Amino acid sequence: MRAVNRNDVVLPASVVKRGEAELKSIKDHIADPDPKKGAYDFKVYKDDEIKAALDRLFHGKCAYCETFYSASAPVDIEHFRPKGAVSDDKNHPGYWWIAMSWDNLLPSCIDCNRKRKQSVPTAQASLEDLWRAERTNRILQGGQSGKKDSFPIIGTRLMPEEKLYDQEQALLINPCVDEPRQFLSFGPAPRGSLPIAIAVDSGAVNSRGSMSIQVYGLNRLGLVQDRTRVLRQLEFLSDVALELTAIVDKIAALPDAIKTELDRVPSRLKQLRDKTLLEMRAMAEPGQPYSAMVVEWLESFMLRLQAPPAPSGNE
C-alpha cells in the first residue's frame, strides 16, 4: 500500500451532481414509512466516470494491496466507510450519506474487498515451501479476510450525516489519508525470505497495521507469491549492479601501466550498471505493482551499494 494524493484526479462535475441527487433520493427513502420498501439501491458510486477516475488515480491497481486488478478480475468500487451496514456495529445503519462521496471511494481487487477464505503462509515458511503451498497445508494458516462492510474504530462512531471524520479513530489504513509506511513494512528481511507484510506499529494497543493486514488480507498466499516474484527480480538486478560496481572499482585501482588497454571498460561497465539501477528504480514507480515494497527495499539496497568495499583477505 502506498500513499496517494486524491487531488491528483478531479471528479467530473456531472458525477458530483448525480451524487447530490442520489443523496436526496436516499433521504426520501429513509423517510418513507413503508415497511416493504426494502434496502436502497445505491447506483452513482458504480458510475463509469468514477471507475475511470479511480483507475487513473491508482494506476489500475488495488488501493490496498497494489495488485493490477484489470488482468484478472473486474474492479470493486470500495467504500472505505461502508455504505449500507457495518459488520462491527450491528446497530449502525452504515455511512449512507457518503455512499457517493469521492473521498470515500477506493478501487479494490475482489480479494481485498470481498469476504473469502484465504491461505496465509507462516513467517517460518521458506521459498521452496511457498511454491509447494498449493499441494500442502502444512505451512498455511486458514481464515477469512476481505473488508466488505467492516470498519473497526476506537471510541464513538459517527452517526447519520455527521462529518467530523477526523474525530472517528479508524483502525484501517486509508491510502488517501494516511501514510501507510507509518504502519506497514516488508523488512528488512534476510535474503531469500518471503515478503510478508508486518505491522510497524505492532506495539500499539490498537495496531492499525495489524488490523489492516488482517482485514485486507495483505499476506494471503497468492499475494505473497506475486510479491515474491517482484522481490526475486530486484535481488537478481541488485547482484548485477553490485558485481559491476566491484569490477569497475578493481579496474580503477589497477596501476596505469596495466590498465592502459582497459581505459574504456570502466565507462562501459558503469553505463551497464546505471542502466540496471534505472530498471530497478522503474519498479518503484507509482504505476508498478507492489511499489511500496520496492521503495522500501531499494532504500536498503542503496545503502549497501554506497558502502565502501570490504577489504580482501590478501590486504
Protein backbone atom coordinates (compact mmCIF):
# COMPACT_ATOMS: atom_id res chain seq x y z
CA MET A 1 0.00 0.00 0.00
CA ARG A 2 1.33 3.43 -0.89
CA ALA A 3 0.14 6.96 -0.12
CA VAL A 4 -1.96 8.53 -2.89
CA ASN A 5 -2.98 12.19 -3.26
CA ARG A 6 -6.65 12.12 -4.17
CA ASN A 7 -6.41 15.69 -5.50
CA ASP A 8 -4.29 14.41 -8.40
CA VAL A 9 -7.56 13.47 -10.13
CA VAL A 10 -10.66 15.67 -10.12
CA LEU A 11 -14.08 14.05 -10.32
CA PRO A 12 -16.24 15.44 -13.19
CA ALA A 13 -18.87 17.94 -12.08
CA SER A 14 -21.58 15.86 -13.76
CA VAL A 15 -20.87 12.96 -11.41
CA VAL A 16 -20.92 15.27 -8.39
CA LYS A 17 -24.37 16.49 -9.40
CA ARG A 18 -25.66 12.93 -9.79
CA GLY A 19 -24.30 12.20 -6.33
CA GLU A 20 -26.17 15.15 -4.85
CA ALA A 21 -29.38 13.95 -6.50
CA GLU A 22 -28.87 10.43 -5.16
CA LEU A 23 -28.31 11.73 -1.63
CA LYS A 24 -31.70 13.44 -1.77
CA SER A 25 -33.23 10.20 -3.03
CA ILE A 26 -31.65 8.26 -0.15
CA LYS A 27 -33.09 10.67 2.41
CA ASP A 28 -36.55 10.30 0.84
CA HIS A 29 -36.17 6.52 1.01
CA ILE A 30 -35.23 6.64 4.69
CA ALA A 31 -38.19 8.91 5.46
CA ASP A 32 -40.62 6.55 3.69
CA PRO A 33 -42.58 4.69 6.43
CA ASP A 34 -43.46 1.75 4.15
CA PRO A 35 -42.03 -1.40 5.86
CA LYS A 36 -41.84 -3.15 2.48
CA LYS A 37 -39.64 -0.55 0.82
CA GLY A 38 -36.53 -2.75 1.09
CA ALA A 39 -32.92 -1.61 1.01
CA TYR A 40 -31.90 1.38 -1.05
CA ASP A 41 -30.23 0.59 -4.38
CA PHE A 42 -27.08 2.71 -4.48
CA LYS A 43 -26.02 3.43 -8.07
CA VAL A 44 -23.88 6.55 -8.50
CA TYR A 45 -20.73 5.03 -7.00
CA LYS A 46 -20.75 2.48 -9.87
CA ASP A 47 -20.64 5.27 -12.47
CA ASP A 48 -18.15 4.59 -15.29
CA GLU A 49 -16.62 8.04 -14.83
CA ILE A 50 -15.88 7.23 -11.19
CA LYS A 51 -14.28 3.93 -12.20
CA ALA A 52 -12.15 5.73 -14.80
CA ALA A 53 -11.09 8.41 -12.31
CA LEU A 54 -10.08 5.82 -9.69
CA ASP A 55 -8.24 3.82 -12.34
CA ARG A 56 -6.17 6.90 -13.23
CA LEU A 57 -5.56 7.81 -9.60
CA PHE A 58 -4.31 4.34 -8.62
CA HIS A 59 -2.71 3.38 -11.96
CA GLY A 60 -5.04 0.40 -12.37
CA LYS A 61 -4.00 -1.10 -9.03
CA CYS A 62 -5.89 -2.12 -5.92
CA ALA A 63 -5.73 0.69 -3.35
CA TYR A 64 -4.86 -1.80 -0.60
CA CYS A 65 -2.54 -4.48 -1.99
CA GLU A 66 -1.20 -2.75 -5.17
CA THR A 67 -2.09 -5.67 -7.44
CA PHE A 68 -3.14 -4.92 -11.01
CA TYR A 69 -6.80 -5.92 -10.87
CA SER A 70 -7.58 -5.41 -14.57
CA ALA A 71 -5.65 -8.51 -15.67
CA SER A 72 -7.54 -10.98 -13.51
CA ALA A 73 -10.91 -9.63 -12.34
CA PRO A 74 -13.19 -6.60 -12.56
CA VAL A 75 -12.51 -3.84 -10.04
CA ASP A 76 -14.72 -3.43 -6.99
CA ILE A 77 -15.54 0.19 -6.16
CA GLU A 78 -14.94 0.02 -2.43
CA HIS A 79 -16.43 2.26 0.26
CA PHE A 80 -13.80 2.94 2.91
CA ARG A 81 -16.66 3.68 5.29
CA PRO A 82 -19.26 1.04 4.31
CA LYS A 83 -22.45 2.46 2.84
CA GLY A 84 -25.31 0.18 3.98
CA ALA A 85 -24.19 -1.62 7.13
CA VAL A 86 -21.21 -2.01 9.48
CA SER A 87 -20.35 -5.56 10.45
CA ASP A 88 -18.51 -4.32 13.53
CA ASP A 89 -21.61 -2.49 14.78
CA LYS A 90 -24.92 -4.21 14.01
CA ASN A 91 -26.92 -1.18 15.23
CA HIS A 92 -25.29 1.23 12.80
CA PRO A 93 -27.13 1.94 9.50
CA GLY A 94 -23.93 2.37 7.50
CA TYR A 95 -22.43 5.60 6.19
CA TRP A 96 -25.14 6.09 3.57
CA TRP A 97 -24.69 9.87 3.43
CA ILE A 98 -21.24 9.44 1.83
CA ALA A 99 -22.10 6.43 -0.34
CA MET A 100 -21.45 8.54 -3.46
CA SER A 101 -18.72 10.77 -1.99
CA TRP A 102 -15.48 10.83 -3.99
CA ASP A 103 -13.42 10.95 -0.78
CA ASN A 104 -14.96 7.67 0.41
CA LEU A 105 -14.36 5.60 -2.74
CA LEU A 106 -11.38 3.39 -3.50
CA PRO A 107 -10.62 0.77 -6.18
CA SER A 108 -10.15 -2.71 -4.76
CA CYS A 109 -9.39 -6.18 -6.04
CA ILE A 110 -12.00 -8.76 -5.08
CA ASP A 111 -9.68 -10.48 -2.58
CA CYS A 112 -9.13 -7.30 -0.55
CA ASN A 113 -12.80 -6.31 -0.68
CA ARG A 114 -14.89 -9.48 -0.52
CA LYS A 115 -15.01 -11.88 2.42
CA ARG A 116 -13.23 -15.00 1.23
CA LYS A 117 -11.41 -17.92 2.82
CA GLN A 118 -7.68 -17.40 2.31
CA SER A 119 -4.49 -19.34 2.96
CA VAL A 120 -1.68 -17.41 4.64
CA PRO A 121 1.98 -18.54 4.70
CA THR A 122 3.52 -18.61 8.15
CA ALA A 123 6.50 -16.39 8.90
CA GLN A 124 8.70 -19.51 9.12
CA ALA A 125 7.85 -20.71 5.59
CA SER A 126 10.72 -20.98 3.11
CA LEU A 127 10.63 -20.02 -0.55
CA GLU A 128 10.53 -23.70 -1.52
CA ASP A 129 7.58 -24.18 0.84
CA LEU A 130 5.78 -21.31 -0.84
CA TRP A 131 5.92 -22.86 -4.29
CA ARG A 132 4.66 -26.15 -2.87
CA ALA A 133 1.87 -24.42 -0.95
CA GLU A 134 -0.90 -25.36 -3.34
CA ARG A 135 -0.21 -29.05 -2.67
CA THR A 136 0.20 -28.94 1.11
CA ASN A 137 -1.46 -27.26 4.06
CA ARG A 138 1.42 -27.78 6.47
CA ILE A 139 2.79 -24.22 6.17
CA LEU A 140 -0.52 -22.46 5.81
CA GLN A 141 -2.90 -20.82 8.22
CA GLY A 142 -6.54 -20.64 7.18
CA GLY A 143 -9.08 -17.90 7.77
CA GLN A 144 -11.33 -15.31 6.23
CA SER A 145 -10.21 -11.90 5.07
CA GLY A 146 -11.67 -9.17 2.89
CA LYS A 147 -13.05 -5.84 4.00
CA LYS A 148 -16.64 -5.90 2.70
CA ASP A 149 -18.63 -3.87 5.28
CA SER A 150 -16.03 -3.98 8.06
CA PHE A 151 -14.93 -0.69 9.61
CA PRO A 152 -13.45 -1.11 13.10
CA ILE A 153 -12.85 2.04 15.14
CA ILE A 154 -11.82 3.16 18.60
CA GLY A 155 -14.39 5.14 20.55
CA THR A 156 -17.57 6.73 19.25
CA ARG A 157 -18.80 6.06 15.71
CA LEU A 158 -20.21 8.86 13.55
CA MET A 159 -23.97 8.80 13.19
CA PRO A 160 -26.00 9.75 10.08
CA GLU A 161 -24.87 12.94 8.35
CA GLU A 162 -22.13 13.72 10.88
CA LYS A 163 -18.97 14.73 9.03
CA LEU A 164 -16.22 15.15 11.64
CA TYR A 165 -14.28 12.25 10.16
CA ASP A 166 -11.01 13.20 11.86
CA GLN A 167 -12.64 12.56 15.23
CA GLU A 168 -13.53 8.98 14.31
CA GLN A 169 -10.49 6.86 15.06
CA ALA A 170 -10.44 4.35 12.20
CA LEU A 171 -8.34 1.21 12.70
CA LEU A 172 -7.96 0.60 8.96
CA ILE A 173 -5.40 2.44 6.82
CA ASN A 174 -6.73 4.75 4.11
CA PRO A 175 -4.02 5.35 1.48
CA CYS A 176 -5.58 8.70 0.54
CA VAL A 177 -5.49 9.98 4.12
CA ASP A 178 -2.67 8.10 5.88
CA GLU A 179 0.98 7.42 5.14
CA PRO A 180 0.93 3.60 5.02
CA ARG A 181 4.67 3.38 5.78
CA GLN A 182 3.91 4.56 9.31
CA PHE A 183 2.00 1.33 9.87
CA LEU A 184 3.27 -1.30 7.38
CA SER A 185 6.64 -2.67 6.33
CA PHE A 186 8.12 -5.57 4.36
CA GLY A 187 11.52 -5.74 6.02
CA PRO A 188 14.41 -5.50 6.35
CA ALA A 189 14.30 -9.25 5.79
CA PRO A 190 17.07 -11.83 5.15
CA ARG A 191 17.78 -12.55 1.51
CA GLY A 192 15.56 -15.32 0.21
CA SER A 193 12.87 -14.76 2.83
CA LEU A 194 9.25 -14.09 1.95
CA PRO A 195 7.91 -10.52 1.59
CA ILE A 196 5.44 -10.78 4.45
CA ALA A 197 3.73 -7.54 5.46
CA ILE A 198 4.41 -6.67 9.10
CA ALA A 199 2.91 -4.03 11.35
CA VAL A 200 5.36 -1.25 12.22
CA ASP A 201 3.02 -0.12 15.00
CA SER A 202 2.61 -3.61 16.43
CA GLY A 203 3.46 -2.35 19.91
CA ALA A 204 0.42 -0.10 19.94
CA VAL A 205 -2.63 -1.06 21.98
CA ASN A 206 -4.73 -0.89 18.81
CA SER A 207 -2.39 -1.55 15.91
CA ARG A 208 -3.72 -0.12 12.65
CA GLY A 209 -1.04 -2.05 10.80
CA SER A 210 -2.09 -5.41 12.24
CA MET A 211 -5.78 -4.68 11.74
CA SER A 212 -5.25 -3.65 8.10
CA ILE A 213 -3.14 -6.74 7.34
CA GLN A 214 -5.85 -8.96 8.79
CA VAL A 215 -8.91 -7.26 7.26
CA TYR A 216 -7.47 -6.59 3.79
CA GLY A 217 -5.71 -9.98 3.73
CA LEU A 218 -2.33 -8.46 2.85
CA ASN A 219 -0.49 -11.75 3.49
CA ARG A 220 -2.77 -14.13 1.58
CA LEU A 221 -0.93 -16.82 -0.34
CA GLY A 222 -1.42 -15.58 -3.91
CA LEU A 223 -0.37 -12.06 -2.97
CA VAL A 224 2.78 -13.21 -1.19
CA GLN A 225 3.66 -15.37 -4.19
CA ASP A 226 3.26 -12.41 -6.56
CA ARG A 227 5.29 -10.07 -4.34
CA THR A 228 7.99 -12.74 -4.13
CA ARG A 229 8.37 -12.75 -7.93
CA VAL A 230 8.95 -8.98 -7.88
CA LEU A 231 11.40 -9.27 -4.97
CA ARG A 232 13.42 -12.01 -6.69
CA GLN A 233 13.75 -9.79 -9.78
CA LEU A 234 15.05 -6.99 -7.57
CA GLU A 235 17.56 -9.33 -5.93
CA PHE A 236 18.84 -10.50 -9.34
CA LEU A 237 19.26 -6.93 -10.59
CA SER A 238 20.98 -5.94 -7.35
CA ASP A 239 23.51 -8.76 -7.81
CA VAL A 240 24.29 -7.45 -11.29
CA ALA A 241 24.67 -3.87 -10.07
CA LEU A 242 26.93 -4.86 -7.16
CA GLU A 243 29.12 -7.09 -9.32
CA LEU A 244 29.53 -4.38 -11.96
CA THR A 245 30.45 -1.86 -9.27
CA ALA A 246 33.08 -4.22 -7.86
CA ILE A 247 34.61 -4.80 -11.33
CA VAL A 248 34.72 -1.07 -12.06
CA ASP A 249 36.42 -0.39 -8.72
CA LYS A 250 39.03 -3.11 -9.27
CA ILE A 251 39.90 -1.83 -12.76
CA ALA A 252 40.13 1.74 -11.48
CA ALA A 253 42.59 0.60 -8.79
CA LEU A 254 45.00 -1.05 -11.26
CA PRO A 255 48.35 0.64 -11.98
CA ASP A 256 48.20 2.94 -15.01
CA ALA A 257 50.63 0.79 -16.96
CA ILE A 258 48.32 -2.21 -16.70
CA LYS A 259 45.01 -0.53 -17.34
CA THR A 260 46.03 1.39 -20.47
CA GLU A 261 44.19 -1.11 -22.63
CA LEU A 262 41.20 -1.06 -20.28
CA ASP A 263 40.52 2.67 -20.26
CA ARG A 264 37.16 2.29 -21.95
CA VAL A 265 35.97 -0.67 -19.90
CA PRO A 266 35.08 1.14 -16.64
CA SER A 267 32.96 3.66 -18.51
CA ARG A 268 31.04 0.96 -20.36
CA LEU A 269 30.57 -1.08 -17.21
CA LYS A 270 29.30 1.99 -15.37
CA GLN A 271 26.78 2.58 -18.13
CA LEU A 272 25.59 -1.01 -17.82
CA ARG A 273 25.44 -0.71 -14.03
CA ASP A 274 23.50 2.55 -14.28
CA LYS A 275 21.00 1.01 -16.70
CA THR A 276 20.48 -1.81 -14.23
CA LEU A 277 19.85 0.70 -11.44
CA LEU A 278 17.39 2.59 -13.64
CA GLU A 279 15.49 -0.65 -14.24
CA MET A 280 15.31 -1.22 -10.50
CA ARG A 281 14.14 2.34 -9.82
CA ALA A 282 11.47 2.00 -12.51
CA MET A 283 9.99 -0.86 -10.48
CA ALA A 284 9.33 1.68 -7.70
CA GLU A 285 7.22 3.99 -9.87
CA PRO A 286 3.62 4.53 -8.67
CA GLY A 287 2.22 2.62 -11.64
CA GLN A 288 4.14 -0.57 -10.84
CA PRO A 289 2.81 -3.43 -8.67
CA TYR A 290 3.91 -3.54 -5.03
CA SER A 291 5.82 -0.27 -5.44
CA ALA A 292 5.69 0.46 -1.71
CA MET A 293 7.59 -2.78 -1.04
CA VAL A 294 10.07 -1.95 -3.83
CA VAL A 295 10.71 1.57 -2.49
CA GLU A 296 11.47 0.21 0.96
CA TRP A 297 13.76 -2.49 -0.45
CA LEU A 298 15.65 -0.04 -2.70
CA GLU A 299 16.36 2.32 0.20
CA SER A 300 18.14 -0.52 2.00
CA PHE A 301 19.94 -1.64 -1.17
CA MET A 302 21.30 1.85 -1.98
CA LEU A 303 22.96 1.93 1.43
CA ARG A 304 24.70 -1.35 0.54
CA LEU A 305 25.71 -0.04 -2.87
CA GLN A 306 27.24 3.12 -1.41
CA ALA A 307 29.10 1.32 1.39
CA PRO A 308 32.91 1.00 0.93
CA PRO A 309 34.02 -2.46 -0.21
CA ALA A 310 35.17 -4.85 2.49
CA PRO A 311 38.96 -5.48 2.48
CA SER A 312 40.00 -8.71 0.79
CA GLY A 313 41.86 -11.43 2.63
CA ASN A 314 45.10 -10.53 0.78
CA GLU A 315 45.28 -6.98 2.15
